[in-house]
Amino acid sequence: MKYCLALEVQRVPLIDNPSALLRYLRATMAFEKTERLRVLFLNSSNGLLRDEVVSYGTVDGTPVITRHIITRALEIGARYLILAHNHPSGSLRPSQDDLRSTKELVQAARHLDICVYDHVIVSAFGSCSLREQGLL
């Protein structure tokens, strides 16, 4: 099933198909026992260039390393980024650290003409888009 969902997100512009994106993210990370941060690197047509787990954390946190993410985006030639991380606790509420680190990344990326399109939190109980919540 994960393979089929991966094929789906490779074929469609992800920004235009949030339901495919959410299905893929939930299937690939919602049930992990520790937090991990995944970045989807997109081209200027919103097509998926790469999907990488950039950080592994603990049961209640994972670091967002702005410098590493920006460097990878430049290496890959990404124009848009979608961040996603899981909450093993099941909570869909973004933490203050989630909001702070996302804001820092958005500001750093903006200077290099890279758009952080969304940051999605996934859990076994659903997902939360910071963009949809007006937090991005």
C-alpha atoms as a PDB file:
ATOM      1  CA  MET A   1       0.000   0.000   0.000  1.00  0.00           C
ATOM      2  CA  LYS A   2       2.807   2.445   0.845  1.00  0.00           C
ATOM      3  CA  TYR A   3       4.277   1.794  -2.589  1.00  0.00           C
ATOM      4  CA  CYS A   4       0.978   2.647  -4.328  1.00  0.00           C
ATOM      5  CA  LEU A   5       0.632   5.828  -2.312  1.00  0.00           C
ATOM      6  CA  ALA A   6       4.228   6.764  -3.112  1.00  0.00           C
ATOM      7  CA  LEU A   7       3.491   6.350  -6.816  1.00  0.00           C
ATOM      8  CA  GLU A   8       0.431   8.555  -6.468  1.00  0.00           C
ATOM      9  CA  VAL A   9       2.357  11.433  -4.877  1.00  0.00           C
ATOM     10  CA  GLN A  10       5.049  11.191  -7.556  1.00  0.00           C
ATOM     11  CA  ARG A  11       2.511  11.609 -10.366  1.00  0.00           C
ATOM     12  CA  VAL A  12       0.497  14.600  -9.175  1.00  0.00           C
ATOM     13  CA  PRO A  13       1.349  18.148  -8.079  1.00  0.00           C
ATOM     14  CA  LEU A  14       1.204  17.730  -4.306  1.00  0.00           C
ATOM     15  CA  ILE A  15       0.088  21.242  -3.520  1.00  0.00           C
ATOM     16  CA  ASP A  16      -2.934  20.649  -5.762  1.00  0.00           C
ATOM     17  CA  ASN A  17      -3.780  17.278  -4.201  1.00  0.00           C
ATOM     18  CA  PRO A  18      -3.738  17.538  -0.397  1.00  0.00           C
ATOM     19  CA  SER A  19      -5.748  14.340   0.101  1.00  0.00           C
ATOM     20  CA  ALA A  20      -3.088  12.250  -1.700  1.00  0.00           C
ATOM     21  CA  LEU A  21      -0.403  13.966   0.348  1.00  0.00           C
ATOM     22  CA  LEU A  22      -2.159  13.280   3.655  1.00  0.00           C
ATOM     23  CA  ARG A  23      -2.829   9.621   2.779  1.00  0.00           C
ATOM     24  CA  TYR A  24       0.842   9.172   1.935  1.00  0.00           C
ATOM     25  CA  LEU A  25       2.114  10.911   5.081  1.00  0.00           C
ATOM     26  CA  ARG A  26      -0.220   8.995   7.378  1.00  0.00           C
ATOM     27  CA  ALA A  27       0.750   5.666   5.787  1.00  0.00           C
ATOM     28  CA  THR A  28       4.467   6.346   6.011  1.00  0.00           C
ATOM     29  CA  MET A  29       4.790   7.882   9.457  1.00  0.00           C
ATOM     30  CA  ALA A  30       1.618   8.088  11.572  1.00  0.00           C
ATOM     31  CA  PHE A  31       2.321   4.918  13.542  1.00  0.00           C
ATOM     32  CA  GLU A  32       6.032   5.372  14.234  1.00  0.00           C
ATOM     33  CA  LYS A  33       7.068   5.060  17.886  1.00  0.00           C
ATOM     34  CA  THR A  34       9.431   8.037  17.789  1.00  0.00           C
ATOM     35  CA  GLU A  35       9.171  11.407  16.086  1.00  0.00           C
ATOM     36  CA  ARG A  36      10.762  11.954  12.726  1.00  0.00           C
ATOM     37  CA  LEU A  37      10.833  14.942  10.429  1.00  0.00           C
ATOM     38  CA  ARG A  38      10.280  14.368   6.730  1.00  0.00           C
ATOM     39  CA  VAL A  39      10.748  16.983   4.015  1.00  0.00           C
ATOM     40  CA  LEU A  40       9.145  16.735   0.609  1.00  0.00           C
ATOM     41  CA  PHE A  41      11.202  18.733  -1.865  1.00  0.00           C
ATOM     42  CA  LEU A  42       9.140  20.014  -4.802  1.00  0.00           C
ATOM     43  CA  ASN A  43      10.048  21.615  -8.098  1.00  0.00           C
ATOM     44  CA  SER A  44       8.518  24.786  -9.547  1.00  0.00           C
ATOM     45  CA  SER A  45       5.623  22.728 -10.973  1.00  0.00           C
ATOM     46  CA  ASN A  46       4.878  21.292  -7.510  1.00  0.00           C
ATOM     47  CA  GLY A  47       6.167  17.890  -8.559  1.00  0.00           C
ATOM     48  CA  LEU A  48       7.999  15.734  -6.058  1.00  0.00           C
ATOM     49  CA  LEU A  49      11.779  15.793  -6.457  1.00  0.00           C
ATOM     50  CA  ARG A  50      12.669  13.991  -3.227  1.00  0.00           C
ATOM     51  CA  ASP A  51      11.122  12.726  -0.031  1.00  0.00           C
ATOM     52  CA  GLU A  52      13.649  12.518   2.786  1.00  0.00           C
ATOM     53  CA  VAL A  53      13.547  11.888   6.509  1.00  0.00           C
ATOM     54  CA  VAL A  54      15.926  14.590   7.695  1.00  0.00           C
ATOM     55  CA  SER A  55      15.705  14.093  11.442  1.00  0.00           C
ATOM     56  CA  TYR A  56      14.970  11.297  13.908  1.00  0.00           C
ATOM     57  CA  GLY A  57      13.953  12.192  17.421  1.00  0.00           C
ATOM     58  CA  THR A  58      12.496  10.813  20.599  1.00  0.00           C
ATOM     59  CA  VAL A  59       8.959  10.006  21.687  1.00  0.00           C
ATOM     60  CA  ASP A  60       8.205  13.709  22.111  1.00  0.00           C
ATOM     61  CA  GLY A  61      10.504  15.728  19.885  1.00  0.00           C
ATOM     62  CA  THR A  62      12.731  15.895  16.841  1.00  0.00           C
ATOM     63  CA  PRO A  63      15.066  18.706  15.837  1.00  0.00           C
ATOM     64  CA  VAL A  64      14.439  20.913  12.822  1.00  0.00           C
ATOM     65  CA  ILE A  65      17.879  21.781  11.514  1.00  0.00           C
ATOM     66  CA  THR A  66      17.248  24.790   9.286  1.00  0.00           C
ATOM     67  CA  ARG A  67      20.738  24.862   7.800  1.00  0.00           C
ATOM     68  CA  HIS A  68      20.582  21.202   6.737  1.00  0.00           C
ATOM     69  CA  ILE A  69      17.121  21.534   5.180  1.00  0.00           C
ATOM     70  CA  ILE A  70      18.037  24.679   3.236  1.00  0.00           C
ATOM     71  CA  THR A  71      21.295  23.110   2.041  1.00  0.00           C
ATOM     72  CA  ARG A  72      19.438  20.019   0.783  1.00  0.00           C
ATOM     73  CA  ALA A  73      16.826  22.172  -0.948  1.00  0.00           C
ATOM     74  CA  LEU A  74      19.564  24.064  -2.791  1.00  0.00           C
ATOM     75  CA  GLU A  75      21.401  20.857  -3.727  1.00  0.00           C
ATOM     76  CA  ILE A  76      18.219  19.293  -5.075  1.00  0.00           C
ATOM     77  CA  GLY A  77      16.975  22.465  -6.764  1.00  0.00           C
ATOM     78  CA  ALA A  78      13.717  22.571  -4.811  1.00  0.00           C
ATOM     79  CA  ARG A  79      11.377  25.543  -5.115  1.00  0.00           C
ATOM     80  CA  TYR A  80       8.824  24.400  -2.504  1.00  0.00           C
ATOM     81  CA  LEU A  81       9.104  22.431   0.731  1.00  0.00           C
ATOM     82  CA  ILE A  82       6.478  20.521   2.651  1.00  0.00           C
ATOM     83  CA  LEU A  83       7.531  19.509   6.145  1.00  0.00           C
ATOM     84  CA  ALA A  84       5.852  16.695   7.995  1.00  0.00           C
ATOM     85  CA  HIS A  85       6.446  15.142  11.362  1.00  0.00           C
ATOM     86  CA  ASN A  86       4.595  12.650  13.470  1.00  0.00           C
ATOM     87  CA  HIS A  87       3.372  12.833  17.040  1.00  0.00           C
ATOM     88  CA  PRO A  88       3.519   9.337  18.580  1.00  0.00           C
ATOM     89  CA  SER A  89       1.378  10.640  21.465  1.00  0.00           C
ATOM     90  CA  GLY A  90      -1.531  11.032  19.065  1.00  0.00           C
ATOM     91  CA  SER A  91      -1.843  14.771  19.663  1.00  0.00           C
ATOM     92  CA  LEU A  92      -2.411  16.896  16.586  1.00  0.00           C
ATOM     93  CA  ARG A  93      -1.654  20.162  18.356  1.00  0.00           C
ATOM     94  CA  PRO A  94       1.609  21.831  17.268  1.00  0.00           C
ATOM     95  CA  SER A  95       4.023  22.509  20.108  1.00  0.00           C
ATOM     96  CA  GLN A  96       5.665  25.873  20.662  1.00  0.00           C
ATOM     97  CA  ASP A  97       8.901  24.317  19.356  1.00  0.00           C
ATOM     98  CA  ASP A  98       7.065  23.170  16.207  1.00  0.00           C
ATOM     99  CA  LEU A  99       5.813  26.706  15.582  1.00  0.00           C
ATOM    100  CA  ARG A 100       9.124  28.394  16.385  1.00  0.00           C
ATOM    101  CA  SER A 101      11.269  26.104  14.239  1.00  0.00           C
ATOM    102  CA  THR A 102       8.829  26.312  11.323  1.00  0.00           C
ATOM    103  CA  LYS A 103       8.871  30.105  11.491  1.00  0.00           C
ATOM    104  CA  GLU A 104      12.687  30.126  11.478  1.00  0.00           C
ATOM    105  CA  LEU A 105      12.787  27.834   8.447  1.00  0.00           C
ATOM    106  CA  VAL A 106      10.190  29.903   6.565  1.00  0.00           C
ATOM    107  CA  GLN A 107      12.213  33.073   7.134  1.00  0.00           C
ATOM    108  CA  ALA A 108      15.521  31.492   6.078  1.00  0.00           C
ATOM    109  CA  ALA A 109      14.016  29.879   2.977  1.00  0.00           C
ATOM    110  CA  ARG A 110      12.280  33.069   1.864  1.00  0.00           C
ATOM    111  CA  HIS A 111      15.646  34.800   1.414  1.00  0.00           C
ATOM    112  CA  LEU A 112      16.651  32.092  -1.077  1.00  0.00           C
ATOM    113  CA  ASP A 113      13.376  32.123  -3.035  1.00  0.00           C
ATOM    114  CA  ILE A 114      12.263  28.810  -1.531  1.00  0.00           C
ATOM    115  CA  CYS A 115       8.705  28.542  -0.228  1.00  0.00           C
ATOM    116  CA  VAL A 116       7.840  26.426   2.794  1.00  0.00           C
ATOM    117  CA  TYR A 117       4.357  25.560   1.628  1.00  0.00           C
ATOM    118  CA  ASP A 118       3.164  23.629   4.669  1.00  0.00           C
ATOM    119  CA  HIS A 119       4.119  21.792   7.824  1.00  0.00           C
ATOM    120  CA  VAL A 120       1.871  18.825   8.540  1.00  0.00           C
ATOM    121  CA  ILE A 121       1.607  16.957  11.819  1.00  0.00           C
ATOM    122  CA  VAL A 122       0.387  13.384  11.533  1.00  0.00           C
ATOM    123  CA  SER A 123      -0.654  10.838  14.115  1.00  0.00           C
ATOM    124  CA  ALA A 124      -2.691   7.676  14.341  1.00  0.00           C
ATOM    125  CA  PHE A 125      -5.730   9.930  14.864  1.00  0.00           C
ATOM    126  CA  GLY A 126      -5.416  12.213  11.849  1.00  0.00           C
ATOM    127  CA  SER A 127      -3.398  15.148  10.603  1.00  0.00           C
ATOM    128  CA  CYS A 128      -3.054  18.880  11.133  1.00  0.00           C
ATOM    129  CA  SER A 129      -1.860  21.334   8.494  1.00  0.00           C
ATOM    130  CA  LEU A 130      -0.236  24.452   9.903  1.00  0.00           C
ATOM    131  CA  ARG A 131      -1.196  26.234   6.662  1.00  0.00           C
ATOM    132  CA  GLU A 132      -4.865  25.290   7.055  1.00  0.00           C
ATOM    133  CA  GLN A 133      -4.773  26.398  10.699  1.00  0.00           C
ATOM    134  CA  GLY A 134      -3.380  29.812   9.699  1.00  0.00           C
ATOM    135  CA  LEU A 135      -0.155  29.134  11.592  1.00  0.00           C
ATOM    136  CA  LEU A 136       2.247  29.264   8.647  1.00  0.00           C
END
